[in-house]
């Protein structure tokens, strides 16, 4: 099977299993995950946090997004640019008024209400979505490559004194062994589940 075929097989299996989690369990696990994330020193010292709004049966990242605002951090959220097929980044201050349902029913920043951040080299902390993760930091997204392209843009700016912390919140049932990786795939530094916080040391190799 090709690398893409293997990836798609894992995606289908994990998404199907994730759908089996009850709403109550997802809410409980999400709260526990966020409680762990906010204990990370990388989060505590971060001034600028790039988050995302969850959809479907994903880990409820909105809990952390709201916490970041409550903690006085600058919050950035992505919006799919359908022309470039990449993510544009906007600064958001009010989740109720600054967002509207966009692509794939994900709540996205309203360009007329939010300032676009063209060179987000100031980001200290990035929360990454994904379908499946390996303990080595391997990340399997939904297949669009949006975040791999975004992270490549951040890395190519050449103005960043230090790289932002790359963190993923995920249910433990999304941890998978031997996720196939390609050169364009970016790994995460921290995986946080409802049960544990995993430092993915191989990400730094």
N, C-alpha and C. Protein backbone atom coordinates (compact mmCIF):
# COMPACT_ATOMS: atom_id res chain seq x y z
N UNK A 1 0.85 -1.20 0.00
CA UNK A 1 0.00 0.00 0.00
C UNK A 1 0.88 1.25 0.00
N UNK A 2 0.47 2.28 -0.71
CA UNK A 2 1.24 3.52 -0.76
C UNK A 2 1.16 4.26 0.57
N UNK A 3 2.06 5.24 0.74
CA UNK A 3 2.03 6.06 1.96
C UNK A 3 0.68 6.74 2.11
N UNK A 4 0.17 7.29 1.00
CA UNK A 4 -1.13 7.97 1.06
C UNK A 4 -2.24 6.98 1.40
N UNK A 5 -2.13 5.77 0.86
CA UNK A 5 -3.13 4.75 1.17
C UNK A 5 -3.11 4.35 2.64
N UNK A 6 -1.91 4.20 3.18
CA UNK A 6 -1.78 3.88 4.61
C UNK A 6 -2.37 4.99 5.47
N UNK A 7 -2.06 6.22 5.09
CA UNK A 7 -2.58 7.36 5.86
C UNK A 7 -4.10 7.36 5.84
N UNK A 8 -4.66 7.17 4.68
CA UNK A 8 -6.12 7.20 4.56
C UNK A 8 -6.76 6.07 5.34
N UNK A 9 -6.12 4.90 5.36
CA UNK A 9 -6.64 3.78 6.13
C UNK A 9 -6.67 4.10 7.62
N UNK A 10 -5.59 4.71 8.12
CA UNK A 10 -5.54 5.11 9.54
C UNK A 10 -6.61 6.17 9.83
N UNK A 11 -6.72 7.15 8.93
CA UNK A 11 -7.73 8.21 9.11
C UNK A 11 -9.12 7.61 9.27
N UNK A 12 -9.47 6.75 8.36
CA UNK A 12 -10.83 6.19 8.38
C UNK A 12 -11.08 5.40 9.67
N UNK A 13 -10.08 4.65 10.10
CA UNK A 13 -10.25 3.83 11.31
C UNK A 13 -10.39 4.70 12.55
N UNK A 14 -9.51 5.68 12.69
CA UNK A 14 -9.54 6.52 13.89
C UNK A 14 -10.78 7.40 13.91
N UNK A 15 -11.15 7.97 12.77
CA UNK A 15 -12.36 8.81 12.74
C UNK A 15 -13.59 7.98 13.10
N UNK A 16 -13.65 6.76 12.62
CA UNK A 16 -14.77 5.88 12.94
C UNK A 16 -14.80 5.58 14.44
N UNK A 17 -13.64 5.30 15.01
CA UNK A 17 -13.58 5.01 16.45
C UNK A 17 -13.90 6.26 17.28
N UNK A 18 -13.45 7.41 16.79
CA UNK A 18 -13.70 8.65 17.53
C UNK A 18 -15.19 8.97 17.56
N UNK A 19 -15.87 8.63 16.48
CA UNK A 19 -17.32 8.85 16.42
C UNK A 19 -18.06 8.04 17.50
N UNK A 20 -17.44 6.96 17.97
CA UNK A 20 -18.10 6.10 18.95
C UNK A 20 -18.04 6.68 20.36
N UNK A 21 -17.15 7.66 20.58
CA UNK A 21 -17.09 8.29 21.90
C UNK A 21 -18.36 9.11 22.14
N UNK A 22 -18.95 8.96 23.30
CA UNK A 22 -20.15 9.73 23.61
C UNK A 22 -19.80 11.19 23.80
N UNK A 23 -20.79 12.06 23.63
CA UNK A 23 -20.57 13.50 23.82
C UNK A 23 -20.11 13.78 25.25
N UNK A 24 -20.65 13.03 26.20
CA UNK A 24 -20.25 13.23 27.60
C UNK A 24 -18.80 12.89 27.84
N UNK A 25 -18.36 11.78 27.26
CA UNK A 25 -16.95 11.40 27.42
C UNK A 25 -16.04 12.40 26.72
N UNK A 26 -16.42 12.84 25.52
CA UNK A 26 -15.58 13.81 24.81
C UNK A 26 -15.44 15.09 25.62
N UNK A 27 -16.53 15.54 26.23
CA UNK A 27 -16.47 16.75 27.04
C UNK A 27 -15.58 16.54 28.27
N UNK A 28 -15.72 15.39 28.91
CA UNK A 28 -14.90 15.09 30.08
C UNK A 28 -13.42 15.03 29.72
N UNK A 29 -13.11 14.28 28.66
CA UNK A 29 -11.72 14.14 28.23
C UNK A 29 -11.14 15.49 27.82
N UNK A 30 -11.94 16.29 27.12
CA UNK A 30 -11.46 17.59 26.64
C UNK A 30 -11.09 18.49 27.82
N UNK A 31 -11.93 18.49 28.84
CA UNK A 31 -11.64 19.29 30.03
C UNK A 31 -10.35 18.83 30.69
N UNK A 32 -10.17 17.52 30.79
CA UNK A 32 -8.95 16.98 31.40
C UNK A 32 -7.72 17.31 30.56
N UNK A 33 -7.86 17.27 29.25
CA UNK A 33 -6.74 17.61 28.36
C UNK A 33 -6.33 19.06 28.54
N UNK A 34 -7.32 19.95 28.57
CA UNK A 34 -7.00 21.37 28.72
C UNK A 34 -6.35 21.64 30.08
N UNK A 35 -6.82 20.97 31.11
CA UNK A 35 -6.20 21.13 32.43
C UNK A 35 -4.72 20.76 32.39
N UNK A 36 -4.37 19.79 31.57
CA UNK A 36 -2.97 19.40 31.42
C UNK A 36 -2.19 20.40 30.57
N UNK A 37 -2.82 20.87 29.50
CA UNK A 37 -2.12 21.80 28.60
C UNK A 37 -1.74 23.08 29.33
N UNK A 38 -2.66 23.61 30.14
CA UNK A 38 -2.37 24.90 30.78
C UNK A 38 -1.28 24.77 31.85
N UNK A 39 -0.93 23.54 32.21
CA UNK A 39 0.18 23.34 33.16
C UNK A 39 1.53 23.33 32.46
N UNK A 40 1.54 23.23 31.13
CA UNK A 40 2.81 23.23 30.40
C UNK A 40 3.50 24.58 30.58
N UNK A 41 4.79 24.57 30.94
CA UNK A 41 5.51 25.84 31.03
C UNK A 41 5.45 26.64 29.74
N UNK A 42 5.45 25.94 28.61
CA UNK A 42 5.40 26.62 27.31
C UNK A 42 4.11 27.41 27.14
N UNK A 43 3.02 26.89 27.69
CA UNK A 43 1.76 27.64 27.63
C UNK A 43 1.79 28.81 28.61
N UNK A 44 2.28 28.55 29.79
CA UNK A 44 2.24 29.57 30.84
C UNK A 44 3.04 30.81 30.47
N UNK A 45 4.15 30.63 29.77
CA UNK A 45 4.97 31.80 29.41
C UNK A 45 4.59 32.39 28.06
N UNK A 46 3.72 31.71 27.32
CA UNK A 46 3.36 32.18 25.98
C UNK A 46 2.56 33.48 26.05
N UNK A 47 2.93 34.42 25.20
CA UNK A 47 2.18 35.66 25.07
C UNK A 47 1.16 35.57 23.93
N UNK A 48 1.56 34.88 22.85
CA UNK A 48 0.71 34.79 21.67
C UNK A 48 0.43 33.31 21.38
N UNK A 49 -0.85 32.96 21.37
CA UNK A 49 -1.27 31.56 21.19
C UNK A 49 -2.07 31.44 19.89
N UNK A 50 -1.66 30.52 19.05
CA UNK A 50 -2.42 30.19 17.84
C UNK A 50 -3.23 28.94 18.14
N UNK A 51 -4.55 29.08 18.16
CA UNK A 51 -5.42 27.95 18.44
C UNK A 51 -6.24 27.59 17.21
N UNK A 52 -7.30 26.83 17.43
CA UNK A 52 -8.24 26.51 16.35
C UNK A 52 -9.57 26.17 17.00
N UNK A 53 -10.63 26.31 16.23
CA UNK A 53 -11.97 25.98 16.71
C UNK A 53 -12.31 24.57 16.26
N UNK A 54 -12.70 23.73 17.20
CA UNK A 54 -12.97 22.33 16.88
C UNK A 54 -14.28 22.16 16.12
N UNK A 55 -14.40 21.02 15.45
CA UNK A 55 -15.66 20.67 14.79
C UNK A 55 -15.86 19.16 14.91
N UNK A 56 -17.10 18.74 14.71
CA UNK A 56 -17.41 17.31 14.78
C UNK A 56 -17.05 16.71 16.12
N UNK A 57 -16.35 15.58 16.08
CA UNK A 57 -16.03 14.86 17.32
C UNK A 57 -14.61 15.13 17.79
N UNK A 58 -14.01 16.22 17.31
CA UNK A 58 -12.66 16.57 17.73
C UNK A 58 -12.58 16.88 19.23
N UNK A 59 -11.36 16.78 19.76
CA UNK A 59 -11.07 17.35 21.06
C UNK A 59 -11.58 18.80 21.07
N UNK A 60 -12.24 19.20 22.16
CA UNK A 60 -12.91 20.51 22.20
C UNK A 60 -11.89 21.61 22.49
N UNK A 61 -11.18 21.98 21.43
CA UNK A 61 -10.13 22.99 21.56
C UNK A 61 -10.67 24.36 21.97
N UNK A 62 -11.97 24.57 21.75
CA UNK A 62 -12.55 25.86 22.13
C UNK A 62 -12.37 26.13 23.63
N UNK A 63 -12.29 25.08 24.43
CA UNK A 63 -12.08 25.28 25.87
C UNK A 63 -10.74 25.97 26.11
N UNK A 64 -9.71 25.52 25.40
CA UNK A 64 -8.40 26.16 25.55
C UNK A 64 -8.38 27.55 24.94
N UNK A 65 -9.07 27.72 23.82
CA UNK A 65 -9.15 29.03 23.18
C UNK A 65 -9.74 30.05 24.15
N UNK A 66 -10.82 29.67 24.81
CA UNK A 66 -11.44 30.57 25.79
C UNK A 66 -10.52 30.81 26.99
N UNK A 67 -9.80 29.76 27.40
CA UNK A 67 -8.88 29.91 28.52
C UNK A 67 -7.74 30.87 28.17
N UNK A 68 -7.25 30.79 26.95
CA UNK A 68 -6.17 31.69 26.53
C UNK A 68 -6.61 33.15 26.61
N UNK A 69 -7.84 33.42 26.17
CA UNK A 69 -8.36 34.79 26.28
C UNK A 69 -8.51 35.20 27.74
N UNK A 70 -9.02 34.29 28.56
CA UNK A 70 -9.20 34.58 29.99
C UNK A 70 -7.86 34.82 30.67
N UNK A 71 -6.81 34.17 30.17
CA UNK A 71 -5.48 34.32 30.74
C UNK A 71 -4.76 35.56 30.22
N UNK A 72 -5.42 36.34 29.39
CA UNK A 72 -4.84 37.58 28.90
C UNK A 72 -3.84 37.40 27.77
N UNK A 73 -3.88 36.25 27.11
CA UNK A 73 -2.96 36.02 26.00
C UNK A 73 -3.55 36.56 24.70
N UNK A 74 -2.68 36.92 23.76
CA UNK A 74 -3.15 37.30 22.44
C UNK A 74 -3.53 36.02 21.71
N UNK A 75 -4.73 36.00 21.17
CA UNK A 75 -5.25 34.80 20.52
C UNK A 75 -5.29 34.99 19.01
N UNK A 76 -4.72 34.02 18.31
CA UNK A 76 -4.79 33.98 16.85
C UNK A 76 -5.58 32.74 16.45
N UNK A 77 -6.40 32.88 15.41
CA UNK A 77 -7.17 31.75 14.88
C UNK A 77 -7.05 31.73 13.36
N UNK A 78 -7.11 30.54 12.76
CA UNK A 78 -6.94 30.42 11.31
C UNK A 78 -8.26 30.50 10.55
N UNK A 79 -8.14 30.92 9.29
CA UNK A 79 -9.26 30.90 8.36
C UNK A 79 -8.75 30.38 7.03
N UNK A 80 -9.46 29.44 6.45
CA UNK A 80 -9.03 28.89 5.16
C UNK A 80 -9.21 29.94 4.06
N UNK A 81 -8.11 30.21 3.35
CA UNK A 81 -8.15 31.09 2.18
C UNK A 81 -8.41 30.20 0.97
N UNK A 82 -9.59 30.29 0.40
CA UNK A 82 -9.97 29.38 -0.68
C UNK A 82 -9.24 29.70 -1.98
N UNK A 83 -8.63 30.88 -2.06
CA UNK A 83 -7.87 31.24 -3.26
C UNK A 83 -6.49 30.60 -3.25
N UNK A 84 -5.80 30.71 -2.10
CA UNK A 84 -4.44 30.16 -1.99
C UNK A 84 -4.44 28.73 -1.47
N UNK A 85 -5.57 28.29 -0.91
CA UNK A 85 -5.69 26.96 -0.30
C UNK A 85 -4.71 26.83 0.88
N UNK A 86 -4.52 27.94 1.58
CA UNK A 86 -3.69 27.96 2.77
C UNK A 86 -4.47 28.63 3.90
N UNK A 87 -3.87 28.65 5.08
CA UNK A 87 -4.51 29.26 6.24
C UNK A 87 -4.05 30.71 6.40
N UNK A 88 -5.01 31.62 6.49
CA UNK A 88 -4.71 32.99 6.90
C UNK A 88 -4.94 33.08 8.40
N UNK A 89 -4.13 33.89 9.08
CA UNK A 89 -4.18 33.98 10.53
C UNK A 89 -4.71 35.35 10.95
N UNK A 90 -5.64 35.35 11.90
CA UNK A 90 -6.25 36.59 12.37
C UNK A 90 -6.19 36.67 13.90
N UNK A 91 -6.05 37.90 14.39
CA UNK A 91 -6.11 38.12 15.83
C UNK A 91 -7.57 38.27 16.24
N UNK A 92 -7.97 37.51 17.26
CA UNK A 92 -9.37 37.47 17.71
C UNK A 92 -9.44 37.88 19.17
N UNK A 93 -10.41 38.73 19.49
CA UNK A 93 -10.57 39.17 20.88
C UNK A 93 -11.92 38.81 21.47
N UNK A 94 -12.90 38.49 20.62
CA UNK A 94 -14.26 38.23 21.09
C UNK A 94 -14.83 37.06 20.29
N UNK A 95 -14.93 35.89 20.91
CA UNK A 95 -15.38 34.70 20.17
C UNK A 95 -16.82 34.82 19.72
N UNK A 96 -17.63 35.57 20.44
CA UNK A 96 -19.04 35.67 20.09
C UNK A 96 -19.24 36.52 18.84
N UNK A 97 -18.47 37.60 18.72
CA UNK A 97 -18.70 38.55 17.64
C UNK A 97 -17.69 38.45 16.50
N UNK A 98 -16.54 37.88 16.75
CA UNK A 98 -15.47 37.88 15.75
C UNK A 98 -15.49 36.66 14.83
N UNK A 99 -16.35 35.68 15.11
CA UNK A 99 -16.33 34.43 14.36
C UNK A 99 -17.65 34.18 13.65
N UNK A 100 -17.56 33.42 12.57
CA UNK A 100 -18.76 32.96 11.86
C UNK A 100 -18.46 31.59 11.27
N UNK A 101 -19.49 30.80 11.06
CA UNK A 101 -19.31 29.46 10.51
C UNK A 101 -18.80 29.55 9.08
N UNK A 102 -17.69 28.83 8.82
CA UNK A 102 -17.07 28.87 7.51
C UNK A 102 -16.98 27.48 6.90
N UNK A 103 -15.84 27.23 6.27
CA UNK A 103 -15.62 25.97 5.57
C UNK A 103 -15.73 24.80 6.54
N UNK A 104 -16.40 23.73 6.10
CA UNK A 104 -16.58 22.51 6.89
C UNK A 104 -17.29 22.78 8.22
N UNK A 105 -18.10 23.85 8.26
CA UNK A 105 -18.84 24.22 9.48
C UNK A 105 -17.93 24.53 10.66
N UNK A 106 -16.70 24.96 10.36
CA UNK A 106 -15.78 25.39 11.42
C UNK A 106 -15.94 26.89 11.61
N UNK A 107 -16.03 27.32 12.86
CA UNK A 107 -16.11 28.76 13.13
C UNK A 107 -14.77 29.41 12.83
N UNK A 108 -14.80 30.44 12.00
CA UNK A 108 -13.59 31.11 11.53
C UNK A 108 -13.68 32.62 11.79
N UNK A 109 -12.51 33.29 11.88
CA UNK A 109 -12.52 34.74 12.07
C UNK A 109 -13.19 35.47 10.91
N UNK A 110 -13.88 36.56 11.24
CA UNK A 110 -14.48 37.43 10.23
C UNK A 110 -13.44 38.48 9.83
N UNK A 111 -12.99 38.50 8.58
CA UNK A 111 -11.95 39.45 8.17
C UNK A 111 -12.33 40.90 8.42
N UNK A 112 -13.63 41.20 8.36
CA UNK A 112 -14.04 42.60 8.56
C UNK A 112 -13.99 43.01 10.04
N UNK A 113 -13.85 42.04 10.93
CA UNK A 113 -13.81 42.36 12.35
C UNK A 113 -12.44 42.08 12.98
N UNK A 114 -11.61 41.31 12.31
CA UNK A 114 -10.34 40.89 12.90
C UNK A 114 -9.16 41.36 12.05
N UNK A 115 -8.06 41.62 12.73
CA UNK A 115 -6.85 42.02 12.02
C UNK A 115 -6.09 40.79 11.55
N UNK A 116 -5.76 40.77 10.26
CA UNK A 116 -4.96 39.67 9.74
C UNK A 116 -3.51 39.84 10.17
N UNK A 117 -2.89 38.74 10.52
CA UNK A 117 -1.48 38.75 10.92
C UNK A 117 -0.70 38.13 9.78
N UNK A 118 -0.03 38.96 8.98
CA UNK A 118 0.64 38.47 7.78
C UNK A 118 1.93 37.72 8.08
N UNK A 119 2.61 38.13 9.14
CA UNK A 119 3.88 37.49 9.48
C UNK A 119 3.84 37.05 10.94
N UNK A 120 3.16 35.93 11.22
CA UNK A 120 2.94 35.52 12.61
C UNK A 120 4.18 34.91 13.27
N UNK A 121 5.35 35.55 13.07
CA UNK A 121 6.57 35.04 13.66
C UNK A 121 6.64 35.24 15.16
N UNK A 122 5.68 36.01 15.68
CA UNK A 122 5.65 36.28 17.11
C UNK A 122 4.95 35.19 17.90
N UNK A 123 4.41 34.18 17.22
CA UNK A 123 3.63 33.14 17.90
C UNK A 123 4.53 32.34 18.84
N UNK A 124 4.08 32.16 20.07
CA UNK A 124 4.85 31.41 21.06
C UNK A 124 4.37 29.97 21.20
N UNK A 125 3.09 29.74 20.92
CA UNK A 125 2.45 28.46 21.24
C UNK A 125 1.43 28.15 20.16
N UNK A 126 1.53 26.96 19.56
CA UNK A 126 0.58 26.56 18.51
C UNK A 126 -0.11 25.27 18.92
N UNK A 127 -1.43 25.31 18.96
CA UNK A 127 -2.24 24.12 19.20
C UNK A 127 -2.62 23.54 17.84
N UNK A 128 -2.22 22.30 17.60
CA UNK A 128 -2.43 21.68 16.29
C UNK A 128 -3.53 20.63 16.34
N UNK A 129 -4.43 20.65 15.36
CA UNK A 129 -5.43 19.59 15.26
C UNK A 129 -4.85 18.37 14.57
N UNK A 130 -5.57 17.28 14.57
CA UNK A 130 -5.13 16.08 13.87
C UNK A 130 -6.08 14.93 14.09
N UNK A 131 -5.93 13.92 13.25
CA UNK A 131 -6.76 12.72 13.35
C UNK A 131 -6.08 11.67 14.22
N UNK A 132 -4.76 11.52 14.02
CA UNK A 132 -4.01 10.50 14.76
C UNK A 132 -2.61 11.02 15.04
N UNK A 133 -2.01 10.50 16.11
CA UNK A 133 -0.68 10.95 16.52
C UNK A 133 0.15 9.76 16.98
N UNK A 134 1.46 9.87 16.78
CA UNK A 134 2.38 8.87 17.30
C UNK A 134 3.14 9.45 18.49
N UNK A 135 3.61 8.57 19.36
CA UNK A 135 4.34 9.05 20.53
C UNK A 135 5.67 9.73 20.16
N UNK A 136 6.10 9.54 18.92
CA UNK A 136 7.31 10.22 18.46
C UNK A 136 7.00 11.62 17.94
N UNK A 137 5.74 12.04 18.06
CA UNK A 137 5.36 13.37 17.58
C UNK A 137 4.76 13.37 16.19
N UNK A 138 4.72 12.21 15.54
CA UNK A 138 4.13 12.14 14.20
C UNK A 138 2.66 12.56 14.27
N UNK A 139 2.26 13.34 13.29
CA UNK A 139 0.89 13.86 13.25
C UNK A 139 0.25 13.52 11.91
N UNK A 140 -0.96 12.99 11.96
CA UNK A 140 -1.73 12.71 10.76
C UNK A 140 -2.94 13.63 10.76
N UNK A 141 -2.96 14.56 9.81
CA UNK A 141 -4.09 15.49 9.73
C UNK A 141 -5.22 14.94 8.88
N UNK A 142 -6.03 15.85 8.36
CA UNK A 142 -7.19 15.44 7.59
C UNK A 142 -6.88 15.28 6.10
N UNK A 143 -5.66 15.60 5.71
CA UNK A 143 -5.25 15.36 4.34
C UNK A 143 -5.11 16.61 3.49
N UNK A 144 -5.47 17.77 4.02
CA UNK A 144 -5.38 18.99 3.22
C UNK A 144 -4.01 19.65 3.24
N UNK A 145 -3.18 19.29 4.21
CA UNK A 145 -1.84 19.87 4.30
C UNK A 145 -1.81 21.30 4.77
N UNK A 146 -2.93 21.81 5.30
CA UNK A 146 -3.00 23.22 5.68
C UNK A 146 -1.97 23.58 6.75
N UNK A 147 -1.87 22.77 7.78
CA UNK A 147 -0.97 23.11 8.89
C UNK A 147 0.49 22.86 8.54
N UNK A 148 0.76 21.84 7.73
CA UNK A 148 2.15 21.63 7.30
C UNK A 148 2.63 22.84 6.49
N UNK A 149 1.75 23.37 5.64
CA UNK A 149 2.12 24.55 4.85
C UNK A 149 2.29 25.77 5.75
N UNK A 150 1.41 25.90 6.74
CA UNK A 150 1.52 27.03 7.67
C UNK A 150 2.83 26.97 8.45
N UNK A 151 3.16 25.79 8.98
CA UNK A 151 4.39 25.66 9.76
C UNK A 151 5.61 25.88 8.88
N UNK A 152 5.55 25.46 7.64
CA UNK A 152 6.67 25.73 6.71
C UNK A 152 6.82 27.22 6.49
N UNK A 153 5.71 27.95 6.39
CA UNK A 153 5.77 29.41 6.23
C UNK A 153 6.41 30.05 7.46
N UNK A 154 6.02 29.60 8.63
CA UNK A 154 6.59 30.15 9.87
C UNK A 154 8.08 29.91 9.92
N UNK A 155 8.50 28.71 9.52
CA UNK A 155 9.91 28.36 9.59
C UNK A 155 10.75 29.09 8.58
N UNK A 156 10.12 29.55 7.49
CA UNK A 156 10.87 30.21 6.42
C UNK A 156 10.98 31.72 6.60
N UNK A 157 10.38 32.24 7.68
CA UNK A 157 10.42 33.69 7.85
C UNK A 157 11.81 34.20 8.22
N UNK A 158 12.57 33.36 8.91
CA UNK A 158 13.93 33.75 9.23
C UNK A 158 14.05 34.82 10.29
N UNK A 159 12.93 35.22 10.87
CA UNK A 159 12.96 36.30 11.86
C UNK A 159 12.66 35.78 13.26
N UNK A 160 12.41 34.49 13.37
CA UNK A 160 11.98 33.94 14.64
C UNK A 160 13.18 33.56 15.48
N UNK A 161 13.29 34.18 16.65
CA UNK A 161 14.43 33.89 17.53
C UNK A 161 14.36 32.46 18.04
N UNK A 162 13.16 32.00 18.25
CA UNK A 162 12.98 30.62 18.72
C UNK A 162 11.67 30.11 18.13
N UNK A 163 11.61 28.83 17.96
CA UNK A 163 10.41 28.26 17.35
C UNK A 163 9.27 28.21 18.36
N UNK A 164 8.03 28.36 17.91
CA UNK A 164 6.90 28.21 18.83
C UNK A 164 6.77 26.77 19.30
N UNK A 165 6.20 26.60 20.48
CA UNK A 165 5.91 25.26 20.98
C UNK A 165 4.77 24.67 20.15
N UNK A 166 4.95 23.43 19.69
CA UNK A 166 3.93 22.76 18.89
C UNK A 166 3.27 21.70 19.76
N UNK A 167 1.99 21.88 20.04
CA UNK A 167 1.28 21.04 21.00
C UNK A 167 -0.01 20.52 20.38
N UNK A 168 -0.34 19.28 20.65
CA UNK A 168 -1.62 18.72 20.19
C UNK A 168 -2.37 18.14 21.38
N UNK A 169 -3.63 18.50 21.49
CA UNK A 169 -4.52 17.87 22.45
C UNK A 169 -5.27 16.77 21.73
N UNK A 170 -5.30 15.58 22.31
CA UNK A 170 -5.90 14.45 21.60
C UNK A 170 -6.42 13.41 22.58
N UNK A 171 -7.48 12.75 22.21
CA UNK A 171 -7.94 11.62 23.02
C UNK A 171 -6.91 10.50 22.92
N UNK A 172 -6.75 9.75 23.99
CA UNK A 172 -5.74 8.67 23.99
C UNK A 172 -6.02 7.63 22.90
N UNK A 173 -7.30 7.45 22.53
CA UNK A 173 -7.61 6.46 21.50
C UNK A 173 -7.12 6.90 20.11
N UNK A 174 -6.62 8.12 19.98
CA UNK A 174 -6.08 8.59 18.71
C UNK A 174 -4.58 8.35 18.58
N UNK A 175 -3.96 7.79 19.62
CA UNK A 175 -2.54 7.48 19.55
C UNK A 175 -2.35 6.20 18.73
N UNK A 176 -1.46 6.26 17.77
CA UNK A 176 -1.25 5.16 16.82
C UNK A 176 0.24 4.90 16.67
N UNK A 177 0.60 3.65 16.50
CA UNK A 177 2.00 3.32 16.23
C UNK A 177 2.26 3.39 14.73
N UNK A 178 3.48 3.82 14.39
CA UNK A 178 3.96 3.77 13.01
C UNK A 178 3.08 4.54 12.03
N UNK A 179 2.90 5.83 12.31
CA UNK A 179 2.22 6.69 11.34
C UNK A 179 3.20 7.00 10.21
N UNK A 180 2.85 6.70 8.97
CA UNK A 180 3.77 7.00 7.86
C UNK A 180 3.99 8.50 7.73
N UNK A 181 5.24 8.90 7.50
CA UNK A 181 5.58 10.32 7.41
C UNK A 181 6.27 10.62 6.09
N UNK A 182 6.01 11.83 5.60
CA UNK A 182 6.66 12.34 4.40
C UNK A 182 7.49 13.56 4.77
N UNK A 183 8.33 14.00 3.84
CA UNK A 183 9.25 15.11 4.15
C UNK A 183 8.52 16.38 4.55
N UNK A 184 7.31 16.56 4.03
CA UNK A 184 6.56 17.79 4.32
C UNK A 184 5.77 17.72 5.62
N UNK A 185 5.75 16.55 6.27
CA UNK A 185 4.97 16.39 7.50
C UNK A 185 5.73 16.96 8.70
N UNK A 186 5.05 17.78 9.48
CA UNK A 186 5.66 18.37 10.67
C UNK A 186 5.23 17.59 11.91
N UNK A 187 6.17 17.39 12.80
CA UNK A 187 5.87 16.69 14.05
C UNK A 187 5.58 17.69 15.17
N UNK A 188 4.92 17.21 16.22
CA UNK A 188 4.63 18.04 17.38
C UNK A 188 5.64 17.74 18.49
N UNK A 189 5.77 18.70 19.41
CA UNK A 189 6.69 18.52 20.53
C UNK A 189 5.99 17.89 21.74
N UNK A 190 4.72 18.24 21.89
CA UNK A 190 3.97 17.75 23.05
C UNK A 190 2.66 17.14 22.60
N UNK A 191 2.34 15.97 23.11
CA UNK A 191 1.03 15.36 22.95
C UNK A 191 0.38 15.32 24.33
N UNK A 192 -0.84 15.80 24.40
CA UNK A 192 -1.54 15.83 25.68
C UNK A 192 -2.86 15.09 25.54
N UNK A 193 -3.01 14.01 26.29
CA UNK A 193 -4.25 13.25 26.29
C UNK A 193 -4.94 13.43 27.64
N UNK A 194 -6.10 12.78 27.78
CA UNK A 194 -6.80 12.85 29.07
C UNK A 194 -6.04 12.11 30.16
N UNK A 195 -5.07 11.27 29.76
CA UNK A 195 -4.35 10.45 30.73
C UNK A 195 -2.91 10.87 30.99
N UNK A 196 -2.29 11.52 30.02
CA UNK A 196 -0.86 11.78 30.15
C UNK A 196 -0.42 12.95 29.28
N UNK A 197 0.75 13.47 29.62
CA UNK A 197 1.42 14.50 28.84
C UNK A 197 2.71 13.89 28.30
N UNK A 198 2.85 13.86 27.00
CA UNK A 198 3.96 13.15 26.35
C UNK A 198 4.89 14.17 25.69
N UNK A 199 6.16 14.17 26.10
CA UNK A 199 7.16 14.99 25.44
C UNK A 199 7.78 14.16 24.33
N UNK A 200 7.62 14.61 23.09
CA UNK A 200 8.05 13.84 21.94
C UNK A 200 9.49 14.24 21.58
N UNK A 201 10.44 13.64 22.26
CA UNK A 201 11.83 14.05 22.12
C UNK A 201 12.34 13.88 20.69
N UNK A 202 11.81 12.90 19.95
CA UNK A 202 12.31 12.69 18.59
C UNK A 202 11.98 13.85 17.68
N UNK A 203 11.04 14.71 18.11
CA UNK A 203 10.72 15.88 17.29
C UNK A 203 11.94 16.78 17.14
N UNK A 204 12.84 16.73 18.11
CA UNK A 204 13.98 17.64 18.11
C UNK A 204 15.19 17.07 17.38
N UNK A 205 15.12 15.85 16.93
CA UNK A 205 16.27 15.23 16.29
C UNK A 205 16.51 15.79 14.90
